[in-house]
Amino acid sequence: MGASDTMEVFFEKLNSGDREGAVGLMDERIEMRVHVRDGSRTLRGLQQVSGWFLRGDTGLQMVPGEIREMGNTYEADLLVLRPGTPSQHIDATFRVEAGKITSINLSPS
């Protein structure tokens, strides 16, 4: 399964409320960097990264737009929707190896 195929399934599961299914597409050694204002936070390992998705707001959705696939790297402008809050656009980069997401980088657009 290529990067686009994996990410299509990931977003389909995440946006339908199957967060556990979405997390199942992540590698055990996944790393995720989240950029906020002038800093960033790096989460390492499936337990930390999956928690970010599993504990997220009920109704969290990430809708990819303007997708760029470069081999095993998938980049997208994501529209993030959370009930009761303004929508947000973020730049996201996902690295996929052997059908598993190995790294995620999220930063404001």
PDB file of N, CA and C in Angstrom:
ATOM      1  N   MET A   1       0.860  -1.176   0.000  1.00  0.00           N
ATOM      2  CA  MET A   1       0.000   0.000   0.000  1.00  0.00           C
ATOM      3  C   MET A   1       0.901   1.232   0.000  1.00  0.00           C
ATOM      4  N   GLY A   2       0.705   2.169  -0.942  1.00  0.00           N
ATOM      5  CA  GLY A   2       1.495   3.377  -1.033  1.00  0.00           C
ATOM      6  C   GLY A   2       1.041   4.447  -0.059  1.00  0.00           C
ATOM      7  N   ALA A   3       1.770   5.560  -0.055  1.00  0.00           N
ATOM      8  CA  ALA A   3       1.466   6.647   0.874  1.00  0.00           C
ATOM      9  C   ALA A   3       0.048   7.170   0.671  1.00  0.00           C
ATOM     10  N   SER A   4      -0.352   7.391  -0.565  1.00  0.00           N
ATOM     11  CA  SER A   4      -1.705   7.912  -0.823  1.00  0.00           C
ATOM     12  C   SER A   4      -2.778   6.938  -0.365  1.00  0.00           C
ATOM     13  N   ASP A   5      -2.572   5.654  -0.653  1.00  0.00           N
ATOM     14  CA  ASP A   5      -3.550   4.644  -0.240  1.00  0.00           C
ATOM     15  C   ASP A   5      -3.671   4.601   1.278  1.00  0.00           C
ATOM     16  N   THR A   6      -2.543   4.566   1.959  1.00  0.00           N
ATOM     17  CA  THR A   6      -2.540   4.517   3.428  1.00  0.00           C
ATOM     18  C   THR A   6      -3.220   5.743   4.006  1.00  0.00           C
ATOM     19  N   MET A   7      -2.888   6.914   3.476  1.00  0.00           N
ATOM     20  CA  MET A   7      -3.444   8.148   4.031  1.00  0.00           C
ATOM     21  C   MET A   7      -4.932   8.273   3.725  1.00  0.00           C
ATOM     22  N   GLU A   8      -5.360   7.785   2.576  1.00  0.00           N
ATOM     23  CA  GLU A   8      -6.788   7.804   2.258  1.00  0.00           C
ATOM     24  C   GLU A   8      -7.570   6.969   3.277  1.00  0.00           C
ATOM     25  N   VAL A   9      -7.055   5.800   3.597  1.00  0.00           N
ATOM     26  CA  VAL A   9      -7.700   4.944   4.593  1.00  0.00           C
ATOM     27  C   VAL A   9      -7.634   5.600   5.975  1.00  0.00           C
ATOM     28  N   PHE A  10      -6.491   6.199   6.316  1.00  0.00           N
ATOM     29  CA  PHE A  10      -6.332   6.874   7.607  1.00  0.00           C
ATOM     30  C   PHE A  10      -7.395   7.962   7.792  1.00  0.00           C
ATOM     31  N   PHE A  11      -7.533   8.850   6.816  1.00  0.00           N
ATOM     32  CA  PHE A  11      -8.500   9.942   6.938  1.00  0.00           C
ATOM     33  C   PHE A  11      -9.935   9.433   6.917  1.00  0.00           C
ATOM     34  N   GLU A  12     -10.194   8.399   6.132  1.00  0.00           N
ATOM     35  CA  GLU A  12     -11.529   7.813   6.094  1.00  0.00           C
ATOM     36  C   GLU A  12     -11.911   7.276   7.479  1.00  0.00           C
ATOM     37  N   LYS A  13     -10.993   6.553   8.108  1.00  0.00           N
ATOM     38  CA  LYS A  13     -11.260   6.001   9.437  1.00  0.00           C
ATOM     39  C   LYS A  13     -11.378   7.115  10.484  1.00  0.00           C
ATOM     40  N   LEU A  14     -10.441   8.046  10.473  1.00  0.00           N
ATOM     41  CA  LEU A  14     -10.453   9.134  11.449  1.00  0.00           C
ATOM     42  C   LEU A  14     -11.742   9.944  11.346  1.00  0.00           C
ATOM     43  N   ASN A  15     -12.118  10.308  10.138  1.00  0.00           N
ATOM     44  CA  ASN A  15     -13.277  11.185   9.935  1.00  0.00           C
ATOM     45  C   ASN A  15     -14.614  10.474  10.134  1.00  0.00           C
ATOM     46  N   SER A  16     -14.609   9.144  10.096  1.00  0.00           N
ATOM     47  CA  SER A  16     -15.855   8.410  10.358  1.00  0.00           C
ATOM     48  C   SER A  16     -16.007   8.073  11.846  1.00  0.00           C
ATOM     49  N   GLY A  17     -15.010   8.462  12.646  1.00  0.00           N
ATOM     50  CA  GLY A  17     -15.065   8.204  14.081  1.00  0.00           C
ATOM     51  C   GLY A  17     -14.332   6.952  14.518  1.00  0.00           C
ATOM     52  N   ASP A  18     -13.734   6.233  13.570  1.00  0.00           N
ATOM     53  CA  ASP A  18     -12.978   5.022  13.901  1.00  0.00           C
ATOM     54  C   ASP A  18     -11.530   5.406  14.205  1.00  0.00           C
ATOM     55  N   ARG A  19     -11.332   6.070  15.326  1.00  0.00           N
ATOM     56  CA  ARG A  19      -9.989   6.531  15.684  1.00  0.00           C
ATOM     57  C   ARG A  19      -9.035   5.373  15.942  1.00  0.00           C
ATOM     58  N   GLU A  20      -9.530   4.303  16.549  1.00  0.00           N
ATOM     59  CA  GLU A  20      -8.682   3.142  16.796  1.00  0.00           C
ATOM     60  C   GLU A  20      -8.196   2.539  15.474  1.00  0.00           C
ATOM     61  N   GLY A  21      -9.084   2.503  14.485  1.00  0.00           N
ATOM     62  CA  GLY A  21      -8.700   2.006  13.166  1.00  0.00           C
ATOM     63  C   GLY A  21      -7.653   2.889  12.513  1.00  0.00           C
ATOM     64  N   ALA A  22      -7.804   4.198  12.676  1.00  0.00           N
ATOM     65  CA  ALA A  22      -6.822   5.140  12.126  1.00  0.00           C
ATOM     66  C   ALA A  22      -5.466   4.948  12.804  1.00  0.00           C
ATOM     67  N   VAL A  23      -5.483   4.810  14.114  1.00  0.00           N
ATOM     68  CA  VAL A  23      -4.247   4.606  14.874  1.00  0.00           C
ATOM     69  C   VAL A  23      -3.593   3.276  14.478  1.00  0.00           C
ATOM     70  N   GLY A  24      -4.387   2.296  14.094  1.00  0.00           N
ATOM     71  CA  GLY A  24      -3.857   1.003  13.662  1.00  0.00           C
ATOM     72  C   GLY A  24      -2.973   1.089  12.429  1.00  0.00           C
ATOM     73  N   LEU A  25      -3.012   2.214  11.733  1.00  0.00           N
ATOM     74  CA  LEU A  25      -2.167   2.409  10.544  1.00  0.00           C
ATOM     75  C   LEU A  25      -0.829   3.053  10.897  1.00  0.00           C
ATOM     76  N   MET A  26      -0.579   3.255  12.196  1.00  0.00           N
ATOM     77  CA  MET A  26       0.669   3.883  12.641  1.00  0.00           C
ATOM     78  C   MET A  26       1.691   2.829  13.055  1.00  0.00           C
ATOM     79  N   ASP A  27       2.950   3.114  12.764  1.00  0.00           N
ATOM     80  CA  ASP A  27       4.065   2.267  13.158  1.00  0.00           C
ATOM     81  C   ASP A  27       4.301   2.398  14.667  1.00  0.00           C
ATOM     82  N   GLU A  28       4.796   1.368  15.289  1.00  0.00           N
ATOM     83  CA  GLU A  28       5.089   1.378  16.737  1.00  0.00           C
ATOM     84  C   GLU A  28       6.063   2.498  17.119  1.00  0.00           C
ATOM     85  N   ARG A  29       6.995   2.829  16.224  1.00  0.00           N
ATOM     86  CA  ARG A  29       8.038   3.827  16.516  1.00  0.00           C
ATOM     87  C   ARG A  29       7.713   5.200  15.928  1.00  0.00           C
ATOM     88  N   ILE A  30       6.454   5.478  15.674  1.00  0.00           N
ATOM     89  CA  ILE A  30       6.053   6.732  15.050  1.00  0.00           C
ATOM     90  C   ILE A  30       6.521   7.941  15.872  1.00  0.00           C
ATOM     91  N   GLU A  31       6.825   9.022  15.174  1.00  0.00           N
ATOM     92  CA  GLU A  31       7.132  10.298  15.811  1.00  0.00           C
ATOM     93  C   GLU A  31       6.218  11.351  15.206  1.00  0.00           C
ATOM     94  N   MET A  32       5.745  12.260  16.056  1.00  0.00           N
ATOM     95  CA  MET A  32       4.875  13.334  15.579  1.00  0.00           C
ATOM     96  C   MET A  32       5.352  14.652  16.175  1.00  0.00           C
ATOM     97  N   ARG A  33       5.533  15.631  15.316  1.00  0.00           N
ATOM     98  CA  ARG A  33       5.915  16.971  15.761  1.00  0.00           C
ATOM     99  C   ARG A  33       4.742  17.902  15.484  1.00  0.00           C
ATOM    100  N   VAL A  34       4.339  18.621  16.528  1.00  0.00           N
ATOM    101  CA  VAL A  34       3.246  19.576  16.428  1.00  0.00           C
ATOM    102  C   VAL A  34       3.830  20.956  16.705  1.00  0.00           C
ATOM    103  N   HIS A  35       3.700  21.859  15.744  1.00  0.00           N
ATOM    104  CA  HIS A  35       4.208  23.226  15.881  1.00  0.00           C
ATOM    105  C   HIS A  35       3.072  24.136  16.339  1.00  0.00           C
ATOM    106  N   VAL A  36       3.312  24.888  17.398  1.00  0.00           N
ATOM    107  CA  VAL A  36       2.336  25.844  17.911  1.00  0.00           C
ATOM    108  C   VAL A  36       3.079  27.143  18.197  1.00  0.00           C
ATOM    109  N   ARG A  37       2.621  28.206  17.585  1.00  0.00           N
ATOM    110  CA  ARG A  37       3.253  29.526  17.720  1.00  0.00           C
ATOM    111  C   ARG A  37       4.753  29.427  17.491  1.00  0.00           C
ATOM    112  N   ASP A  38       5.562  29.778  18.486  1.00  0.00           N
ATOM    113  CA  ASP A  38       7.017  29.800  18.318  1.00  0.00           C
ATOM    114  C   ASP A  38       7.707  28.518  18.755  1.00  0.00           C
ATOM    115  N   GLY A  39       6.955  27.516  19.159  1.00  0.00           N
ATOM    116  CA  GLY A  39       7.564  26.285  19.645  1.00  0.00           C
ATOM    117  C   GLY A  39       7.003  25.062  18.966  1.00  0.00           C
ATOM    118  N   SER A  40       7.511  23.939  19.387  1.00  0.00           N
ATOM    119  CA  SER A  40       7.003  22.668  18.868  1.00  0.00           C
ATOM    120  C   SER A  40       7.119  21.621  19.970  1.00  0.00           C
ATOM    121  N   ARG A  41       6.345  20.584  19.810  1.00  0.00           N
ATOM    122  CA  ARG A  41       6.377  19.456  20.736  1.00  0.00           C
ATOM    123  C   ARG A  41       6.516  18.189  19.909  1.00  0.00           C
ATOM    124  N   THR A  42       7.402  17.319  20.326  1.00  0.00           N
ATOM    125  CA  THR A  42       7.597  16.051  19.629  1.00  0.00           C
ATOM    126  C   THR A  42       7.084  14.917  20.508  1.00  0.00           C
ATOM    127  N   LEU A  43       6.211  14.117  19.933  1.00  0.00           N
ATOM    128  CA  LEU A  43       5.688  12.930  20.602  1.00  0.00           C
ATOM    129  C   LEU A  43       6.359  11.721  19.965  1.00  0.00           C
ATOM    130  N   ARG A  44       6.796  10.784  20.784  1.00  0.00           N
ATOM    131  CA  ARG A  44       7.510   9.611  20.275  1.00  0.00           C
ATOM    132  C   ARG A  44       6.822   8.330  20.727  1.00  0.00           C
ATOM    133  N   GLY A  45       6.675   7.430  19.795  1.00  0.00           N
ATOM    134  CA  GLY A  45       6.101   6.127  20.090  1.00  0.00           C
ATOM    135  C   GLY A  45       4.596   6.108  19.924  1.00  0.00           C
ATOM    136  N   LEU A  46       4.084   4.933  19.668  1.00  0.00           N
ATOM    137  CA  LEU A  46       2.663   4.769  19.385  1.00  0.00           C
ATOM    138  C   LEU A  46       1.787   5.209  20.551  1.00  0.00           C
ATOM    139  N   GLN A  47       2.219   4.959  21.773  1.00  0.00           N
ATOM    140  CA  GLN A  47       1.397   5.323  22.924  1.00  0.00           C
ATOM    141  C   GLN A  47       1.166   6.828  22.990  1.00  0.00           C
ATOM    142  N   GLN A  48       2.216   7.634  22.830  1.00  0.00           N
ATOM    143  CA  GLN A  48       2.070   9.084  22.895  1.00  0.00           C
ATOM    144  C   GLN A  48       1.295   9.631  21.700  1.00  0.00           C
ATOM    145  N   VAL A  49       1.667   9.202  20.499  1.00  0.00           N
ATOM    146  CA  VAL A  49       1.038   9.739  19.293  1.00  0.00           C
ATOM    147  C   VAL A  49      -0.422   9.312  19.206  1.00  0.00           C
ATOM    148  N   SER A  50      -0.698   8.060  19.481  1.00  0.00           N
ATOM    149  CA  SER A  50      -2.086   7.605  19.396  1.00  0.00           C
ATOM    150  C   SER A  50      -2.960   8.325  20.408  1.00  0.00           C
ATOM    151  N   GLY A  51      -2.410   8.624  21.581  1.00  0.00           N
ATOM    152  CA  GLY A  51      -3.167   9.353  22.591  1.00  0.00           C
ATOM    153  C   GLY A  51      -3.628  10.707  22.103  1.00  0.00           C
ATOM    154  N   TRP A  52      -2.813  11.363  21.297  1.00  0.00           N
ATOM    155  CA  TRP A  52      -3.163  12.673  20.758  1.00  0.00           C
ATOM    156  C   TRP A  52      -4.425  12.562  19.905  1.00  0.00           C
ATOM    157  N   PHE A  53      -4.534  11.484  19.136  1.00  0.00           N
ATOM    158  CA  PHE A  53      -5.701  11.283  18.289  1.00  0.00           C
ATOM    159  C   PHE A  53      -6.884  10.718  19.074  1.00  0.00           C
ATOM    160  N   LEU A  54      -6.615   9.769  19.950  1.00  0.00           N
ATOM    161  CA  LEU A  54      -7.701   9.113  20.691  1.00  0.00           C
ATOM    162  C   LEU A  54      -8.367  10.046  21.693  1.00  0.00           C
ATOM    163  N   ARG A  55      -7.608  10.963  22.285  1.00  0.00           N
ATOM    164  CA  ARG A  55      -8.171  11.874  23.278  1.00  0.00           C
ATOM    165  C   ARG A  55      -8.628  13.198  22.675  1.00  0.00           C
ATOM    166  N   GLY A  56      -8.492  13.358  21.374  1.00  0.00           N
ATOM    167  CA  GLY A  56      -8.913  14.591  20.710  1.00  0.00           C
ATOM    168  C   GLY A  56     -10.411  14.818  20.858  1.00  0.00           C
ATOM    169  N   ASP A  57     -10.819  16.026  20.578  1.00  0.00           N
ATOM    170  CA  ASP A  57     -12.232  16.395  20.690  1.00  0.00           C
ATOM    171  C   ASP A  57     -13.130  15.429  19.929  1.00  0.00           C
ATOM    172  N   THR A  58     -14.277  15.113  20.508  1.00  0.00           N
ATOM    173  CA  THR A  58     -15.265  14.291  19.822  1.00  0.00           C
ATOM    174  C   THR A  58     -15.694  15.029  18.558  1.00  0.00           C
ATOM    175  N   GLY A  59     -15.717  14.340  17.461  1.00  0.00           N
ATOM    176  CA  GLY A  59     -16.085  14.968  16.199  1.00  0.00           C
ATOM    177  C   GLY A  59     -14.905  15.541  15.441  1.00  0.00           C
ATOM    178  N   LEU A  60     -13.675  15.345  15.948  1.00  0.00           N
ATOM    179  CA  LEU A  60     -12.478  15.821  15.248  1.00  0.00           C
ATOM    180  C   LEU A  60     -12.445  15.239  13.844  1.00  0.00           C
ATOM    181  N   GLN A  61     -12.243  16.107  12.866  1.00  0.00           N
ATOM    182  CA  GLN A  61     -12.083  15.656  11.482  1.00  0.00           C
ATOM    183  C   GLN A  61     -10.923  16.394  10.851  1.00  0.00           C
ATOM    184  N   MET A  62     -10.219  15.705   9.993  1.00  0.00           N
ATOM    185  CA  MET A  62      -9.124  16.290   9.221  1.00  0.00           C
ATOM    186  C   MET A  62      -9.412  15.987   7.754  1.00  0.00           C
ATOM    187  N   VAL A  63      -9.627  17.036   6.993  1.00  0.00           N
ATOM    188  CA  VAL A  63      -9.989  16.881   5.592  1.00  0.00           C
ATOM    189  C   VAL A  63      -8.815  17.351   4.733  1.00  0.00           C
ATOM    190  N   PRO A  64      -8.179  16.430   4.007  1.00  0.00           N
ATOM    191  CA  PRO A  64      -7.036  16.827   3.186  1.00  0.00           C
ATOM    192  C   PRO A  64      -7.465  17.553   1.916  1.00  0.00           C
ATOM    193  N   GLY A  65      -6.697  18.553   1.584  1.00  0.00           N
ATOM    194  CA  GLY A  65      -6.866  19.293   0.336  1.00  0.00           C
ATOM    195  C   GLY A  65      -5.485  19.592  -0.211  1.00  0.00           C
ATOM    196  N   GLU A  66      -5.378  19.896  -1.467  1.00  0.00           N
ATOM    197  CA  GLU A  66      -4.089  20.161  -2.118  1.00  0.00           C
ATOM    198  C   GLU A  66      -3.025  19.167  -1.655  1.00  0.00           C
ATOM    199  N   ILE A  67      -3.165  17.953  -2.118  1.00  0.00           N
ATOM    200  CA  ILE A  67      -2.285  16.850  -1.737  1.00  0.00           C
ATOM    201  C   ILE A  67      -1.082  16.805  -2.668  1.00  0.00           C
ATOM    202  N   ARG A  68       0.080  16.553  -2.076  1.00  0.00           N
ATOM    203  CA  ARG A  68       1.314  16.349  -2.835  1.00  0.00           C
ATOM    204  C   ARG A  68       1.921  15.046  -2.338  1.00  0.00           C
ATOM    205  N   GLU A  69       2.048  14.079  -3.236  1.00  0.00           N
ATOM    206  CA  GLU A  69       2.669  12.809  -2.854  1.00  0.00           C
ATOM    207  C   GLU A  69       4.016  12.704  -3.530  1.00  0.00           C
ATOM    208  N   MET A  70       5.026  12.433  -2.724  1.00  0.00           N
ATOM    209  CA  MET A  70       6.384  12.300  -3.245  1.00  0.00           C
ATOM    210  C   MET A  70       6.962  10.993  -2.726  1.00  0.00           C
ATOM    211  N   GLY A  71       6.629   9.906  -3.405  1.00  0.00           N
ATOM    212  CA  GLY A  71       7.100   8.593  -2.967  1.00  0.00           C
ATOM    213  C   GLY A  71       6.438   8.187  -1.666  1.00  0.00           C
ATOM    214  N   ASN A  72       7.244   8.070  -0.620  1.00  0.00           N
ATOM    215  CA  ASN A  72       6.682   7.661   0.663  1.00  0.00           C
ATOM    216  C   ASN A  72       6.319   8.852   1.557  1.00  0.00           C
ATOM    217  N   THR A  73       6.354  10.053   1.004  1.00  0.00           N
ATOM    218  CA  THR A  73       5.965  11.257   1.747  1.00  0.00           C
ATOM    219  C   THR A  73       4.673  11.809   1.165  1.00  0.00           C
ATOM    220  N   TYR A  74       3.745  12.117   2.057  1.00  0.00           N
ATOM    221  CA  TYR A  74       2.422  12.619   1.686  1.00  0.00           C
ATOM    222  C   TYR A  74       2.259  13.972   2.367  1.00  0.00           C
ATOM    223  N   GLU A  75       2.111  15.030   1.587  1.00  0.00           N
ATOM    224  CA  GLU A  75       1.917  16.371   2.138  1.00  0.00           C
ATOM    225  C   GLU A  75       0.529  16.856   1.768  1.00  0.00           C
ATOM    226  N   ALA A  76      -0.099  17.564   2.696  1.00  0.00           N
ATOM    227  CA  ALA A  76      -1.448  18.068   2.426  1.00  0.00           C
ATOM    228  C   ALA A  76      -1.725  19.307   3.265  1.00  0.00           C
ATOM    229  N   ASP A  77      -2.547  20.162   2.692  1.00  0.00           N
ATOM    230  CA  ASP A  77      -3.148  21.250   3.449  1.00  0.00           C
ATOM    231  C   ASP A  77      -4.377  20.622   4.094  1.00  0.00           C
ATOM    232  N   LEU A  78      -4.397  20.544   5.418  1.00  0.00           N
ATOM    233  CA  LEU A  78      -5.518  19.911   6.114  1.00  0.00           C
ATOM    234  C   LEU A  78      -6.469  20.953   6.673  1.00  0.00           C
ATOM    235  N   LEU A  79      -7.744  20.737   6.468  1.00  0.00           N
ATOM    236  CA  LEU A  79      -8.782  21.512   7.123  1.00  0.00           C
ATOM    237  C   LEU A  79      -9.156  20.714   8.364  1.00  0.00           C
ATOM    238  N   VAL A  80      -8.928  21.296   9.536  1.00  0.00           N
ATOM    239  CA  VAL A  80      -9.222  20.620  10.798  1.00  0.00           C
ATOM    240  C   VAL A  80     -10.531  21.171  11.336  1.00  0.00           C
ATOM    241  N   LEU A  81     -11.460  20.269  11.591  1.00  0.00           N
ATOM    242  CA  LEU A  81     -12.786  20.642  12.089  1.00  0.00           C
ATOM    243  C   LEU A  81     -12.996  20.020  13.464  1.00  0.00           C
ATOM    244  N   ARG A  82     -13.381  20.858  14.403  1.00  0.00           N
ATOM    245  CA  ARG A  82     -13.751  20.400  15.745  1.00  0.00           C
ATOM    246  C   ARG A  82     -15.026  21.123  16.120  1.00  0.00           C
ATOM    247  N   PRO A  83     -16.054  20.394  16.517  1.00  0.00           N
ATOM    248  CA  PRO A  83     -17.324  21.036  16.861  1.00  0.00           C
ATOM    249  C   PRO A  83     -17.139  22.131  17.916  1.00  0.00           C
ATOM    250  N   GLY A  84     -17.778  23.267  17.665  1.00  0.00           N
ATOM    251  CA  GLY A  84     -17.755  24.363  18.629  1.00  0.00           C
ATOM    252  C   GLY A  84     -16.543  25.270  18.559  1.00  0.00           C
ATOM    253  N   THR A  85     -15.643  25.028  17.621  1.00  0.00           N
ATOM    254  CA  THR A  85     -14.468  25.879  17.469  1.00  0.00           C
ATOM    255  C   THR A  85     -14.308  26.256  15.996  1.00  0.00           C
ATOM    256  N   PRO A  86     -13.618  27.372  15.744  1.00  0.00           N
ATOM    257  CA  PRO A  86     -13.393  27.744  14.340  1.00  0.00           C
ATOM    258  C   PRO A  86     -12.541  26.693  13.618  1.00  0.00           C
ATOM    259  N   SER A  87     -12.794  26.512  12.336  1.00  0.00           N
ATOM    260  CA  SER A  87     -11.978  25.586  11.547  1.00  0.00           C
ATOM    261  C   SER A  87     -10.564  26.143  11.449  1.00  0.00           C
ATOM    262  N   GLN A  88      -9.634  25.266  11.162  1.00  0.00           N
ATOM    263  CA  GLN A  88      -8.228  25.652  11.104  1.00  0.00           C
ATOM    264  C   GLN A  88      -7.564  24.956   9.927  1.00  0.00           C
ATOM    265  N   HIS A  89      -6.682  25.663   9.252  1.00  0.00           N
ATOM    266  CA  HIS A  89      -5.884  25.060   8.184  1.00  0.00           C
ATOM    267  C   HIS A  89      -4.487  24.805   8.727  1.00  0.00           C
ATOM    268  N   ILE A  90      -3.983  23.598   8.500  1.00  0.00           N
ATOM    269  CA  ILE A  90      -2.619  23.285   8.902  1.00  0.00           C
ATOM    270  C   ILE A  90      -1.901  22.595   7.750  1.00  0.00           C
ATOM    271  N   ASP A  91      -0.589  22.767   7.727  1.00  0.00           N
ATOM    272  CA  ASP A  91       0.245  22.047   6.775  1.00  0.00           C
ATOM    273  C   ASP A  91       0.658  20.744   7.442  1.00  0.00           C
ATOM    274  N   ALA A  92       0.499  19.649   6.748  1.00  0.00           N
ATOM    275  CA  ALA A  92       0.811  18.351   7.321  1.00  0.00           C
ATOM    276  C   ALA A  92       1.692  17.549   6.371  1.00  0.00           C
ATOM    277  N   THR A  93       2.660  16.873   6.964  1.00  0.00           N
ATOM    278  CA  THR A  93       3.514  15.963   6.224  1.00  0.00           C
ATOM    279  C   THR A  93       3.481  14.623   6.941  1.00  0.00           C
ATOM    280  N   PHE A  94       3.215  13.565   6.187  1.00  0.00           N
ATOM    281  CA  PHE A  94       3.177  12.211   6.725  1.00  0.00           C
ATOM    282  C   PHE A  94       4.200  11.386   5.956  1.00  0.00           C
ATOM    283  N   ARG A  95       4.936  10.581   6.670  1.00  0.00           N
ATOM    284  CA  ARG A  95       5.857   9.644   6.023  1.00  0.00           C
ATOM    285  C   ARG A  95       5.285   8.248   6.222  1.00  0.00           C
ATOM    286  N   VAL A  96       5.211   7.486   5.146  1.00  0.00           N
ATOM    287  CA  VAL A  96       4.623   6.149   5.171  1.00  0.00           C
ATOM    288  C   VAL A  96       5.651   5.151   4.660  1.00  0.00           C
ATOM    289  N   GLU A  97       5.865   4.105   5.441  1.00  0.00           N
ATOM    290  CA  GLU A  97       6.779   3.039   5.046  1.00  0.00           C
ATOM    291  C   GLU A  97       6.086   1.702   5.256  1.00  0.00           C
ATOM    292  N   ALA A  98       6.069   0.881   4.230  1.00  0.00           N
ATOM    293  CA  ALA A  98       5.454  -0.454   4.286  1.00  0.00           C
ATOM    294  C   ALA A  98       4.012  -0.395   4.791  1.00  0.00           C
ATOM    295  N   GLY A  99       3.266   0.621   4.339  1.00  0.00           N
ATOM    296  CA  GLY A  99       1.856   0.737   4.691  1.00  0.00           C
ATOM    297  C   GLY A  99       1.576   1.259   6.082  1.00  0.00           C
ATOM    298  N   LYS A 100       2.616   1.693   6.809  1.00  0.00           N
ATOM    299  CA  LYS A 100       2.450   2.237   8.164  1.00  0.00           C
ATOM    300  C   LYS A 100       2.953   3.674   8.211  1.00  0.00           C
ATOM    301  N   ILE A 101       2.253   4.524   8.946  1.00  0.00           N
ATOM    302  CA  ILE A 101       2.660   5.915   9.115  1.00  0.00           C
ATOM    303  C   ILE A 101       3.788   5.942  10.130  1.00  0.00           C
ATOM    304  N   THR A 102       4.955   6.453   9.724  1.00  0.00           N
ATOM    305  CA  THR A 102       6.140   6.473  10.606  1.00  0.00           C
ATOM    306  C   THR A 102       6.422   7.845  11.194  1.00  0.00           C
ATOM    307  N   SER A 103       5.939   8.905  10.548  1.00  0.00           N
ATOM    308  CA  SER A 103       6.135  10.235  11.128  1.00  0.00           C
ATOM    309  C   SER A 103       5.052  11.183  10.619  1.00  0.00           C
ATOM    310  N   ILE A 104       4.736  12.144  11.496  1.00  0.00           N
ATOM    311  CA  ILE A 104       3.735  13.164  11.193  1.00  0.00           C
ATOM    312  C   ILE A 104       4.323  14.500  11.633  1.00  0.00           C
ATOM    313  N   ASN A 105       4.173  15.516  10.799  1.00  0.00           N
ATOM    314  CA  ASN A 105       4.576  16.871  11.134  1.00  0.00           C
ATOM    315  C   ASN A 105       3.404  17.791  10.859  1.00  0.00           C
ATOM    316  N   LEU A 106       2.917  18.485  11.885  1.00  0.00           N
ATOM    317  CA  LEU A 106       1.771  19.390  11.752  1.00  0.00           C
ATOM    318  C   LEU A 106       2.212  20.803  12.111  1.00  0.00           C
ATOM    319  N   SER A 107       1.941  21.760  11.229  1.00  0.00           N
ATOM    320  CA  SER A 107       2.286  23.149  11.514  1.00  0.00           C
ATOM    321  C   SER A 107       1.227  24.077  10.938  1.00  0.00           C
ATOM    322  N   PRO A 108       1.047  25.243  11.578  1.00  0.00           N
ATOM    323  CA  PRO A 108       0.044  26.184  11.072  1.00  0.00           C
ATOM    324  C   PRO A 108       0.354  26.613   9.642  1.00  0.00           C
ATOM    325  N   SER A 109      -0.686  26.866   8.873  1.00  0.00           N
ATOM    326  CA  SER A 109      -0.497  27.340   7.480  1.00  0.00           C
ATOM    327  C   SER A 109      -0.064  28.788   7.486  1.00  0.00           C
TER     328      SER A 109
END
